[in-house]
Structures are given as C-alpha cells and as structure tokens.
Amino acid sequence: MTLRPKYRLCAIVLIAWAAAAKAQEVPLDIATLKAAVLSATNVYRASKKLPELQPDASLDAAASAYADPMRASSKQGAYILV
C-alpha cells in the first residue's frame, strides 16, 4: 500500500512520537529522525510545487530550548507556547 505524501508525513510523525514515548526503552537517533521528517516534508512540498525546506540551526536551537523543560519534567503536551 502506498501512502500519499501528506499521510506519509503523518505516519512518520506518529512513529516519532511513539518512539519518543518509549525513549527510555529504545535509544532514539534524533539526527536520523530529523532527516526523515525533513525528507517526508519536502516530498509533500514537492507534490504541491513548493520549494524544499532546508535544515536551520537557529530553529533547531529554539525547538530544543522549548522542548528541554518538558523533557526534564516529563510533562509532554502540558505546555503552551505563548
């Protein structure tokens, strides 16, 4: 069965979420995960004739700064970015 690009991206994100939920049981390779999500996103964007996204170190740093307190307190989903 072939998934449409939009649903493929959703599947990757769900798999990443499930892997993160079990991060203590299974080591997670963040670099591989980021590359897979970016690749799937770009496949979808290409299907809509949009330019590819590129990795952005400052965006990665901002995402980590936002996620680190949640990881430390183990309350994923309990924070809202204001």
Protein backbone atom coordinates (compact mmCIF):
# COMPACT_ATOMS: atom_id res chain seq x y z
CA MET A 1 0.00 0.00 0.00
CA THR A 2 1.37 3.40 -0.98
CA LEU A 3 0.56 6.36 1.23
CA ARG A 4 0.01 9.83 -0.12
CA PRO A 5 2.81 12.23 0.87
CA LYS A 6 0.60 14.04 3.39
CA TYR A 7 -0.29 10.79 5.15
CA ARG A 8 3.29 9.51 4.94
CA LEU A 9 4.42 12.61 6.87
CA CYS A 10 1.71 11.99 9.48
CA ALA A 11 2.85 8.38 9.79
CA ILE A 12 6.47 9.46 10.33
CA VAL A 13 5.42 11.96 12.99
CA LEU A 14 3.30 9.33 14.76
CA ILE A 15 6.17 6.85 14.68
CA ALA A 16 8.50 9.52 16.05
CA TRP A 17 6.02 10.32 18.82
CA ALA A 18 5.68 6.65 19.72
CA ALA A 19 9.45 6.24 19.72
CA ALA A 20 9.84 9.30 21.94
CA ALA A 21 7.26 7.89 24.36
CA LYS A 22 9.47 4.81 24.74
CA ALA A 23 12.75 6.74 24.64
CA GLN A 24 13.95 5.16 27.88
CA GLU A 25 13.47 1.68 26.41
CA VAL A 26 14.78 2.29 22.89
CA PRO A 27 17.57 4.75 22.06
CA LEU A 28 16.35 7.34 19.56
CA ASP A 29 18.65 8.70 16.88
CA ILE A 30 17.47 12.31 16.70
CA ALA A 31 19.57 13.18 13.63
CA THR A 32 18.04 10.32 11.62
CA LEU A 33 14.56 11.26 12.79
CA LYS A 34 15.04 14.93 11.83
CA ALA A 35 16.34 13.91 8.41
CA ALA A 36 13.36 11.58 7.84
CA VAL A 37 10.81 14.22 8.83
CA LEU A 38 12.50 16.85 6.66
CA SER A 39 12.66 14.45 3.71
CA ALA A 40 8.98 13.49 4.04
CA THR A 41 8.02 17.14 4.39
CA ASN A 42 9.95 18.02 1.24
CA VAL A 43 8.32 15.17 -0.70
CA TYR A 44 4.93 16.59 0.26
CA ARG A 45 6.01 20.15 -0.57
CA ALA A 46 7.30 19.00 -3.96
CA SER A 47 3.88 17.46 -4.68
CA LYS A 48 2.41 20.95 -4.15
CA LYS A 49 5.16 22.61 -6.23
CA LEU A 50 6.60 24.37 -3.17
CA PRO A 51 10.33 24.90 -2.59
CA GLU A 52 12.25 22.49 -0.37
CA LEU A 53 12.88 23.34 3.25
CA GLN A 54 16.46 23.32 4.50
CA PRO A 55 17.77 22.49 7.97
CA ASP A 56 18.05 25.59 10.17
CA ALA A 57 20.37 25.53 13.19
CA SER A 58 18.65 28.50 14.87
CA LEU A 59 15.25 26.82 14.52
CA ASP A 60 16.69 23.59 15.96
CA ALA A 61 18.07 25.57 18.90
CA ALA A 62 14.70 27.26 19.52
CA ALA A 63 12.87 23.91 19.34
CA SER A 64 15.33 22.36 21.79
CA ALA A 65 15.01 25.30 24.18
CA TYR A 66 11.24 24.82 24.11
CA ALA A 67 11.34 21.02 24.44
CA ASP A 68 14.08 20.66 27.08
CA PRO A 69 11.96 21.83 30.06
CA MET A 70 9.17 19.44 29.02
CA ARG A 71 11.64 16.57 28.74
CA ALA A 72 13.08 17.42 32.16
CA SER A 73 9.66 17.45 33.82
CA SER A 74 8.21 14.56 31.74
CA LYS A 75 5.04 16.57 31.12
CA GLN A 76 4.89 16.46 27.33
CA GLY A 77 1.90 18.34 25.99
CA ALA A 78 1.41 20.26 29.23
CA TYR A 79 2.99 23.47 27.95
CA ILE A 80 1.62 26.05 25.56
CA LEU A 81 3.97 28.33 23.67
CA VAL A 82 2.97 31.93 24.39
